[in-house]
């Protein structure tokens, strides 16, 4: 059985697919992906996904969760730090 998001290459493939579907961002724009999240250890997939976005040069792509980590407040903090006006 194959599982999604188990290896670095899985995350890179997801990031590549997502970023090719979106338009070029202006300096004050960002994309926020929100997941449900959980308090289970598998919630680590969310910050890992954001980390891979950053590693591949997509510094205005953020990932948050309704439950778990990173939460909505974490995302808002990052948006404010980067002076993002439109998501």
PDB file of N, CA and C in Angstrom:
ATOM      1  N   UNK A   1       0.840  -1.170   0.000  1.00  0.00           N
ATOM      2  CA  UNK A   1       0.000   0.000   0.000  1.00  0.00           C
ATOM      3  C   UNK A   1       0.894   1.245   0.000  1.00  0.00           C
ATOM      4  N   UNK A   2       0.575   2.177  -0.838  1.00  0.00           N
ATOM      5  CA  UNK A   2       1.314   3.431  -0.921  1.00  0.00           C
ATOM      6  C   UNK A   2       0.641   4.485  -0.049  1.00  0.00           C
ATOM      7  N   UNK A   3       1.436   5.290   0.595  1.00  0.00           N
ATOM      8  CA  UNK A   3       0.891   6.350   1.454  1.00  0.00           C
ATOM      9  C   UNK A   3       1.367   7.699   0.944  1.00  0.00           C
ATOM     10  N   UNK A   4       0.489   8.657   0.975  1.00  0.00           N
ATOM     11  CA  UNK A   4       0.823  10.019   0.593  1.00  0.00           C
ATOM     12  C   UNK A   4       1.592  10.689   1.726  1.00  0.00           C
ATOM     13  N   UNK A   5       2.588  11.473   1.380  1.00  0.00           N
ATOM     14  CA  UNK A   5       3.365  12.271   2.328  1.00  0.00           C
ATOM     15  C   UNK A   5       4.112  11.429   3.359  1.00  0.00           C
ATOM     16  N   UNK A   6       4.879  10.486   2.868  1.00  0.00           N
ATOM     17  CA  UNK A   6       5.723   9.711   3.775  1.00  0.00           C
ATOM     18  C   UNK A   6       7.199   9.993   3.552  1.00  0.00           C
ATOM     19  N   UNK A   7       7.563  10.476   2.376  1.00  0.00           N
ATOM     20  CA  UNK A   7       8.961  10.778   2.061  1.00  0.00           C
ATOM     21  C   UNK A   7       9.074  12.215   1.569  1.00  0.00           C
ATOM     22  N   UNK A   8      10.264  12.758   1.659  1.00  0.00           N
ATOM     23  CA  UNK A   8      10.500  14.126   1.198  1.00  0.00           C
ATOM     24  C   UNK A   8      10.018  14.311  -0.233  1.00  0.00           C
ATOM     25  N   UNK A   9      10.262  13.328  -1.072  1.00  0.00           N
ATOM     26  CA  UNK A   9       9.862  13.427  -2.469  1.00  0.00           C
ATOM     27  C   UNK A   9       8.351  13.574  -2.606  1.00  0.00           C
ATOM     28  N   UNK A  10       7.589  12.963  -1.712  1.00  0.00           N
ATOM     29  CA  UNK A  10       6.135  13.097  -1.727  1.00  0.00           C
ATOM     30  C   UNK A  10       5.730  14.555  -1.507  1.00  0.00           C
ATOM     31  N   UNK A  11       6.346  15.172  -0.520  1.00  0.00           N
ATOM     32  CA  UNK A  11       6.049  16.575  -0.223  1.00  0.00           C
ATOM     33  C   UNK A  11       6.451  17.470  -1.388  1.00  0.00           C
ATOM     34  N   UNK A  12       7.606  17.202  -1.954  1.00  0.00           N
ATOM     35  CA  UNK A  12       8.063  18.011  -3.094  1.00  0.00           C
ATOM     36  C   UNK A  12       7.114  17.886  -4.279  1.00  0.00           C
ATOM     37  N   UNK A  13       6.603  16.689  -4.504  1.00  0.00           N
ATOM     38  CA  UNK A  13       5.656  16.489  -5.601  1.00  0.00           C
ATOM     39  C   UNK A  13       4.356  17.259  -5.355  1.00  0.00           C
ATOM     40  N   UNK A  14       3.859  17.213  -4.132  1.00  0.00           N
ATOM     41  CA  UNK A  14       2.642  17.947  -3.786  1.00  0.00           C
ATOM     42  C   UNK A  14       2.862  19.447  -3.953  1.00  0.00           C
ATOM     43  N   UNK A  15       3.971  19.955  -3.456  1.00  0.00           N
ATOM     44  CA  UNK A  15       4.279  21.376  -3.587  1.00  0.00           C
ATOM     45  C   UNK A  15       4.376  21.772  -5.059  1.00  0.00           C
ATOM     46  N   UNK A  16       5.034  20.962  -5.852  1.00  0.00           N
ATOM     47  CA  UNK A  16       5.154  21.255  -7.277  1.00  0.00           C
ATOM     48  C   UNK A  16       3.776  21.314  -7.945  1.00  0.00           C
ATOM     49  N   UNK A  17       2.943  20.351  -7.652  1.00  0.00           N
ATOM     50  CA  UNK A  17       1.601  20.328  -8.250  1.00  0.00           C
ATOM     51  C   UNK A  17       0.777  21.536  -7.806  1.00  0.00           C
ATOM     52  N   UNK A  18       0.819  21.864  -6.532  1.00  0.00           N
ATOM     53  CA  UNK A  18       0.036  22.990  -6.035  1.00  0.00           C
ATOM     54  C   UNK A  18       0.516  24.321  -6.612  1.00  0.00           C
ATOM     55  N   UNK A  19       1.815  24.511  -6.649  1.00  0.00           N
ATOM     56  CA  UNK A  19       2.332  25.809  -7.104  1.00  0.00           C
ATOM     57  C   UNK A  19       2.159  26.022  -8.601  1.00  0.00           C
ATOM     58  N   UNK A  20       2.091  24.962  -9.380  1.00  0.00           N
ATOM     59  CA  UNK A  20       1.894  25.143 -10.820  1.00  0.00           C
ATOM     60  C   UNK A  20       0.439  25.471 -11.145  1.00  0.00           C
ATOM     61  N   UNK A  21      -0.458  25.281 -10.202  1.00  0.00           N
ATOM     62  CA  UNK A  21      -1.878  25.568 -10.413  1.00  0.00           C
ATOM     63  C   UNK A  21      -2.270  26.989 -10.023  1.00  0.00           C
ATOM     64  N   UNK A  22      -1.348  27.730  -9.439  1.00  0.00           N
ATOM     65  CA  UNK A  22      -1.682  29.053  -8.913  1.00  0.00           C
ATOM     66  C   UNK A  22      -0.983  30.162  -9.694  1.00  0.00           C
ATOM     67  N   UNK A  23      -1.599  31.338  -9.750  1.00  0.00           N
ATOM     68  CA  UNK A  23      -0.973  32.453 -10.464  1.00  0.00           C
ATOM     69  C   UNK A  23       0.226  33.004  -9.707  1.00  0.00           C
ATOM     70  N   UNK A  24       1.034  33.797 -10.388  1.00  0.00           N
ATOM     71  CA  UNK A  24       2.170  34.480  -9.764  1.00  0.00           C
ATOM     72  C   UNK A  24       1.639  35.426  -8.686  1.00  0.00           C
ATOM     73  N   UNK A  25       2.311  35.460  -7.544  1.00  0.00           N
ATOM     74  CA  UNK A  25       1.876  36.302  -6.433  1.00  0.00           C
ATOM     75  C   UNK A  25       2.578  37.650  -6.455  1.00  0.00           C
ATOM     76  N   UNK A  26       1.857  38.689  -6.072  1.00  0.00           N
ATOM     77  CA  UNK A  26       2.457  40.007  -5.864  1.00  0.00           C
ATOM     78  C   UNK A  26       3.121  40.010  -4.500  1.00  0.00           C
ATOM     79  N   UNK A  27       3.921  41.039  -4.228  1.00  0.00           N
ATOM     80  CA  UNK A  27       4.690  41.086  -2.989  1.00  0.00           C
ATOM     81  C   UNK A  27       3.829  41.057  -1.727  1.00  0.00           C
ATOM     82  N   UNK A  28       2.611  41.586  -1.803  1.00  0.00           N
ATOM     83  CA  UNK A  28       1.754  41.637  -0.618  1.00  0.00           C
ATOM     84  C   UNK A  28       0.688  40.548  -0.609  1.00  0.00           C
ATOM     85  N   UNK A  29       0.878  39.513  -1.420  1.00  0.00           N
ATOM     86  CA  UNK A  29      -0.077  38.416  -1.513  1.00  0.00           C
ATOM     87  C   UNK A  29       0.540  37.107  -1.021  1.00  0.00           C
ATOM     88  N   UNK A  30      -0.324  36.237  -0.541  1.00  0.00           N
ATOM     89  CA  UNK A  30       0.114  34.919  -0.085  1.00  0.00           C
ATOM     90  C   UNK A  30      -0.992  33.908  -0.337  1.00  0.00           C
ATOM     91  N   UNK A  31      -0.623  32.656  -0.256  1.00  0.00           N
ATOM     92  CA  UNK A  31      -1.576  31.552  -0.339  1.00  0.00           C
ATOM     93  C   UNK A  31      -1.549  30.846   1.009  1.00  0.00           C
ATOM     94  N   UNK A  32      -2.737  30.569   1.539  1.00  0.00           N
ATOM     95  CA  UNK A  32      -2.850  29.854   2.808  1.00  0.00           C
ATOM     96  C   UNK A  32      -3.640  28.579   2.565  1.00  0.00           C
ATOM     97  N   UNK A  33      -3.043  27.456   2.891  1.00  0.00           N
ATOM     98  CA  UNK A  33      -3.715  26.171   2.839  1.00  0.00           C
ATOM     99  C   UNK A  33      -4.102  25.804   4.262  1.00  0.00           C
ATOM    100  N   UNK A  34      -5.365  25.470   4.470  1.00  0.00           N
ATOM    101  CA  UNK A  34      -5.835  25.089   5.798  1.00  0.00           C
ATOM    102  C   UNK A  34      -6.298  23.636   5.770  1.00  0.00           C
ATOM    103  N   UNK A  35      -5.857  22.905   6.758  1.00  0.00           N
ATOM    104  CA  UNK A  35      -6.288  21.522   6.919  1.00  0.00           C
ATOM    105  C   UNK A  35      -7.044  21.382   8.227  1.00  0.00           C
ATOM    106  N   UNK A  36      -7.681  20.258   8.392  1.00  0.00           N
ATOM    107  CA  UNK A  36      -8.420  20.036   9.631  1.00  0.00           C
ATOM    108  C   UNK A  36      -7.469  19.905  10.815  1.00  0.00           C
ATOM    109  N   UNK A  37      -6.414  19.115  10.645  1.00  0.00           N
ATOM    110  CA  UNK A  37      -5.462  18.905  11.728  1.00  0.00           C
ATOM    111  C   UNK A  37      -5.985  17.906  12.744  1.00  0.00           C
ATOM    112  N   UNK A  38      -5.137  17.595  13.697  1.00  0.00           N
ATOM    113  CA  UNK A  38      -5.458  16.630  14.747  1.00  0.00           C
ATOM    114  C   UNK A  38      -4.427  16.796  15.856  1.00  0.00           C
ATOM    115  N   UNK A  39      -4.671  16.174  16.954  1.00  0.00           N
ATOM    116  CA  UNK A  39      -3.680  16.158  18.034  1.00  0.00           C
ATOM    117  C   UNK A  39      -2.833  14.887  17.969  1.00  0.00           C
ATOM    118  N   UNK A  40      -3.009  14.125  16.907  1.00  0.00           N
ATOM    119  CA  UNK A  40      -2.226  12.923  16.648  1.00  0.00           C
ATOM    120  C   UNK A  40      -0.871  13.327  16.069  1.00  0.00           C
ATOM    121  N   UNK A  41       0.136  12.495  16.199  1.00  0.00           N
ATOM    122  CA  UNK A  41       1.471  12.833  15.710  1.00  0.00           C
ATOM    123  C   UNK A  41       1.515  13.049  14.193  1.00  0.00           C
ATOM    124  N   UNK A  42       0.544  12.546  13.460  1.00  0.00           N
ATOM    125  CA  UNK A  42       0.550  12.728  12.005  1.00  0.00           C
ATOM    126  C   UNK A  42       0.298  14.171  11.598  1.00  0.00           C
ATOM    127  N   UNK A  43      -0.085  15.008  12.532  1.00  0.00           N
ATOM    128  CA  UNK A  43      -0.273  16.430  12.224  1.00  0.00           C
ATOM    129  C   UNK A  43       1.046  17.086  11.818  1.00  0.00           C
ATOM    130  N   UNK A  44       2.149  16.402  12.029  1.00  0.00           N
ATOM    131  CA  UNK A  44       3.460  16.932  11.626  1.00  0.00           C
ATOM    132  C   UNK A  44       3.557  17.109  10.116  1.00  0.00           C
ATOM    133  N   UNK A  45       2.654  16.508   9.368  1.00  0.00           N
ATOM    134  CA  UNK A  45       2.654  16.678   7.911  1.00  0.00           C
ATOM    135  C   UNK A  45       2.414  18.138   7.522  1.00  0.00           C
ATOM    136  N   UNK A  46       1.648  18.869   8.312  1.00  0.00           N
ATOM    137  CA  UNK A  46       1.330  20.255   7.969  1.00  0.00           C
ATOM    138  C   UNK A  46       2.543  21.180   8.032  1.00  0.00           C
ATOM    139  N   UNK A  47       3.279  21.230   9.146  1.00  0.00           N
ATOM    140  CA  UNK A  47       4.467  22.086   9.143  1.00  0.00           C
ATOM    141  C   UNK A  47       5.547  21.583   8.177  1.00  0.00           C
ATOM    142  N   UNK A  48       5.596  20.272   7.949  1.00  0.00           N
ATOM    143  CA  UNK A  48       6.553  19.747   6.978  1.00  0.00           C
ATOM    144  C   UNK A  48       6.228  20.259   5.585  1.00  0.00           C
ATOM    145  N   UNK A  49       4.960  20.290   5.238  1.00  0.00           N
ATOM    146  CA  UNK A  49       4.551  20.805   3.935  1.00  0.00           C
ATOM    147  C   UNK A  49       4.949  22.277   3.782  1.00  0.00           C
ATOM    148  N   UNK A  50       4.701  23.075   4.811  1.00  0.00           N
ATOM    149  CA  UNK A  50       5.104  24.488   4.742  1.00  0.00           C
ATOM    150  C   UNK A  50       6.629  24.613   4.629  1.00  0.00           C
ATOM    151  N   UNK A  51       7.349  23.778   5.328  1.00  0.00           N
ATOM    152  CA  UNK A  51       8.814  23.795   5.271  1.00  0.00           C
ATOM    153  C   UNK A  51       9.302  23.517   3.846  1.00  0.00           C
ATOM    154  N   UNK A  52       8.682  22.561   3.185  1.00  0.00           N
ATOM    155  CA  UNK A  52       9.066  22.246   1.806  1.00  0.00           C
ATOM    156  C   UNK A  52       8.695  23.399   0.874  1.00  0.00           C
ATOM    157  N   UNK A  53       7.564  24.047   1.117  1.00  0.00           N
ATOM    158  CA  UNK A  53       7.245  25.252   0.341  1.00  0.00           C
ATOM    159  C   UNK A  53       8.403  26.249   0.454  1.00  0.00           C
ATOM    160  N   UNK A  54       8.861  26.490   1.659  1.00  0.00           N
ATOM    161  CA  UNK A  54       9.954  27.442   1.881  1.00  0.00           C
ATOM    162  C   UNK A  54      11.248  26.994   1.227  1.00  0.00           C
ATOM    163  N   UNK A  55      11.588  25.717   1.376  1.00  0.00           N
ATOM    164  CA  UNK A  55      12.830  25.202   0.781  1.00  0.00           C
ATOM    165  C   UNK A  55      12.860  25.341  -0.735  1.00  0.00           C
ATOM    166  N   UNK A  56      11.691  25.282  -1.346  1.00  0.00           N
ATOM    167  CA  UNK A  56      11.620  25.364  -2.808  1.00  0.00           C
ATOM    168  C   UNK A  56      11.358  26.787  -3.290  1.00  0.00           C
ATOM    169  N   UNK A  57      11.522  27.770  -2.397  1.00  0.00           N
ATOM    170  CA  UNK A  57      11.432  29.166  -2.793  1.00  0.00           C
ATOM    171  C   UNK A  57      10.052  29.776  -2.744  1.00  0.00           C
ATOM    172  N   UNK A  58       9.075  29.087  -2.206  1.00  0.00           N
ATOM    173  CA  UNK A  58       7.704  29.590  -2.119  1.00  0.00           C
ATOM    174  C   UNK A  58       7.468  30.114  -0.703  1.00  0.00           C
ATOM    175  N   UNK A  59       8.036  31.260  -0.428  1.00  0.00           N
ATOM    176  CA  UNK A  59       8.054  31.802   0.926  1.00  0.00           C
ATOM    177  C   UNK A  59       6.747  32.475   1.337  1.00  0.00           C
ATOM    178  N   UNK A  60       5.808  32.587   0.417  1.00  0.00           N
ATOM    179  CA  UNK A  60       4.515  33.187   0.751  1.00  0.00           C
ATOM    180  C   UNK A  60       3.387  32.172   0.623  1.00  0.00           C
ATOM    181  N   UNK A  61       3.730  30.911   0.892  1.00  0.00           N
ATOM    182  CA  UNK A  61       2.750  29.838   0.963  1.00  0.00           C
ATOM    183  C   UNK A  61       2.756  29.330   2.398  1.00  0.00           C
ATOM    184  N   UNK A  62       1.604  29.350   3.031  1.00  0.00           N
ATOM    185  CA  UNK A  62       1.509  28.996   4.439  1.00  0.00           C
ATOM    186  C   UNK A  62       0.516  27.864   4.624  1.00  0.00           C
ATOM    187  N   UNK A  63       0.730  27.073   5.665  1.00  0.00           N
ATOM    188  CA  UNK A  63      -0.132  25.932   5.954  1.00  0.00           C
ATOM    189  C   UNK A  63      -0.558  26.024   7.414  1.00  0.00           C
ATOM    190  N   UNK A  64      -1.851  25.909   7.646  1.00  0.00           N
ATOM    191  CA  UNK A  64      -2.378  25.939   8.999  1.00  0.00           C
ATOM    192  C   UNK A  64      -3.412  24.850   9.200  1.00  0.00           C
ATOM    193  N   UNK A  65      -3.854  24.703  10.445  1.00  0.00           N
ATOM    194  CA  UNK A  65      -4.866  23.703  10.772  1.00  0.00           C
ATOM    195  C   UNK A  65      -5.928  24.313  11.678  1.00  0.00           C
ATOM    196  N   UNK A  66      -7.115  23.716  11.633  1.00  0.00           N
ATOM    197  CA  UNK A  66      -8.187  24.107  12.545  1.00  0.00           C
ATOM    198  C   UNK A  66      -7.926  23.528  13.938  1.00  0.00           C
ATOM    199  N   UNK A  67      -7.354  22.332  13.967  1.00  0.00           N
ATOM    200  CA  UNK A  67      -6.980  21.683  15.227  1.00  0.00           C
ATOM    201  C   UNK A  67      -5.564  21.150  15.069  1.00  0.00           C
ATOM    202  N   UNK A  68      -4.716  21.406  16.004  1.00  0.00           N
ATOM    203  CA  UNK A  68      -3.345  20.919  15.902  1.00  0.00           C
ATOM    204  C   UNK A  68      -2.375  22.054  15.619  1.00  0.00           C
ATOM    205  N   UNK A  69      -1.260  21.719  15.019  1.00  0.00           N
ATOM    206  CA  UNK A  69      -0.177  22.668  14.769  1.00  0.00           C
ATOM    207  C   UNK A  69       0.232  22.597  13.308  1.00  0.00           C
ATOM    208  N   UNK A  70       0.491  23.734  12.682  1.00  0.00           N
ATOM    209  CA  UNK A  70       0.326  25.105  13.148  1.00  0.00           C
ATOM    210  C   UNK A  70      -1.142  25.512  13.133  1.00  0.00           C
ATOM    211  N   UNK A  71      -1.528  26.327  14.092  1.00  0.00           N
ATOM    212  CA  UNK A  71      -2.923  26.735  14.150  1.00  0.00           C
ATOM    213  C   UNK A  71      -3.125  28.074  13.434  1.00  0.00           C
ATOM    214  N   UNK A  72      -4.365  28.531  13.423  1.00  0.00           N
ATOM    215  CA  UNK A  72      -4.724  29.749  12.706  1.00  0.00           C
ATOM    216  C   UNK A  72      -3.890  30.944  13.184  1.00  0.00           C
ATOM    217  N   UNK A  73      -3.694  31.065  14.482  1.00  0.00           N
ATOM    218  CA  UNK A  73      -2.909  32.181  15.025  1.00  0.00           C
ATOM    219  C   UNK A  73      -1.464  32.161  14.537  1.00  0.00           C
ATOM    220  N   UNK A  74      -0.903  30.978  14.379  1.00  0.00           N
ATOM    221  CA  UNK A  74       0.457  30.860  13.837  1.00  0.00           C
ATOM    222  C   UNK A  74       0.516  31.405  12.415  1.00  0.00           C
ATOM    223  N   UNK A  75      -0.488  31.061  11.619  1.00  0.00           N
ATOM    224  CA  UNK A  75      -0.539  31.533  10.231  1.00  0.00           C
ATOM    225  C   UNK A  75      -0.687  33.049  10.202  1.00  0.00           C
ATOM    226  N   UNK A  76      -1.590  33.589  11.002  1.00  0.00           N
ATOM    227  CA  UNK A  76      -1.804  35.041  11.043  1.00  0.00           C
ATOM    228  C   UNK A  76      -0.516  35.756  11.431  1.00  0.00           C
ATOM    229  N   UNK A  77       0.207  35.229  12.387  1.00  0.00           N
ATOM    230  CA  UNK A  77       1.475  35.827  12.816  1.00  0.00           C
ATOM    231  C   UNK A  77       2.461  35.904  11.649  1.00  0.00           C
ATOM    232  N   UNK A  78       2.582  34.816  10.891  1.00  0.00           N
ATOM    233  CA  UNK A  78       3.497  34.812   9.740  1.00  0.00           C
ATOM    234  C   UNK A  78       3.043  35.798   8.666  1.00  0.00           C
ATOM    235  N   UNK A  79       1.749  35.873   8.438  1.00  0.00           N
ATOM    236  CA  UNK A  79       1.232  36.818   7.445  1.00  0.00           C
ATOM    237  C   UNK A  79       1.549  38.257   7.849  1.00  0.00           C
ATOM    238  N   UNK A  80       1.379  38.568   9.108  1.00  0.00           N
ATOM    239  CA  UNK A  80       1.673  39.918   9.600  1.00  0.00           C
ATOM    240  C   UNK A  80       3.168  40.217   9.526  1.00  0.00           C
ATOM    241  N   UNK A  81       4.011  39.248   9.844  1.00  0.00           N
ATOM    242  CA  UNK A  81       5.456  39.447   9.775  1.00  0.00           C
ATOM    243  C   UNK A  81       5.913  39.772   8.352  1.00  0.00           C
ATOM    244  N   UNK A  82       5.237  39.215   7.369  1.00  0.00           N
ATOM    245  CA  UNK A  82       5.619  39.426   5.965  1.00  0.00           C
ATOM    246  C   UNK A  82       4.798  40.548   5.324  1.00  0.00           C
ATOM    247  N   UNK A  83       3.985  41.238   6.119  1.00  0.00           N
ATOM    248  CA  UNK A  83       3.164  42.357   5.658  1.00  0.00           C
ATOM    249  C   UNK A  83       2.262  41.945   4.479  1.00  0.00           C
ATOM    250  N   UNK A  84       1.655  40.785   4.613  1.00  0.00           N
ATOM    251  CA  UNK A  84       0.746  40.278   3.592  1.00  0.00           C
ATOM    252  C   UNK A  84      -0.598  40.968   3.749  1.00  0.00           C
ATOM    253  N   UNK A  85      -1.134  41.470   2.637  1.00  0.00           N
ATOM    254  CA  UNK A  85      -2.405  42.187   2.644  1.00  0.00           C
ATOM    255  C   UNK A  85      -3.533  41.409   1.970  1.00  0.00           C
ATOM    256  N   UNK A  86      -3.174  40.427   1.147  1.00  0.00           N
ATOM    257  CA  UNK A  86      -4.194  39.681   0.403  1.00  0.00           C
ATOM    258  C   UNK A  86      -3.815  38.206   0.401  1.00  0.00           C
ATOM    259  N   UNK A  87      -4.808  37.362   0.754  1.00  0.00           N
ATOM    260  CA  UNK A  87      -4.565  35.917   0.740  1.00  0.00           C
ATOM    261  C   UNK A  87      -5.577  35.245  -0.174  1.00  0.00           C
TER     262      UNK A  87
END
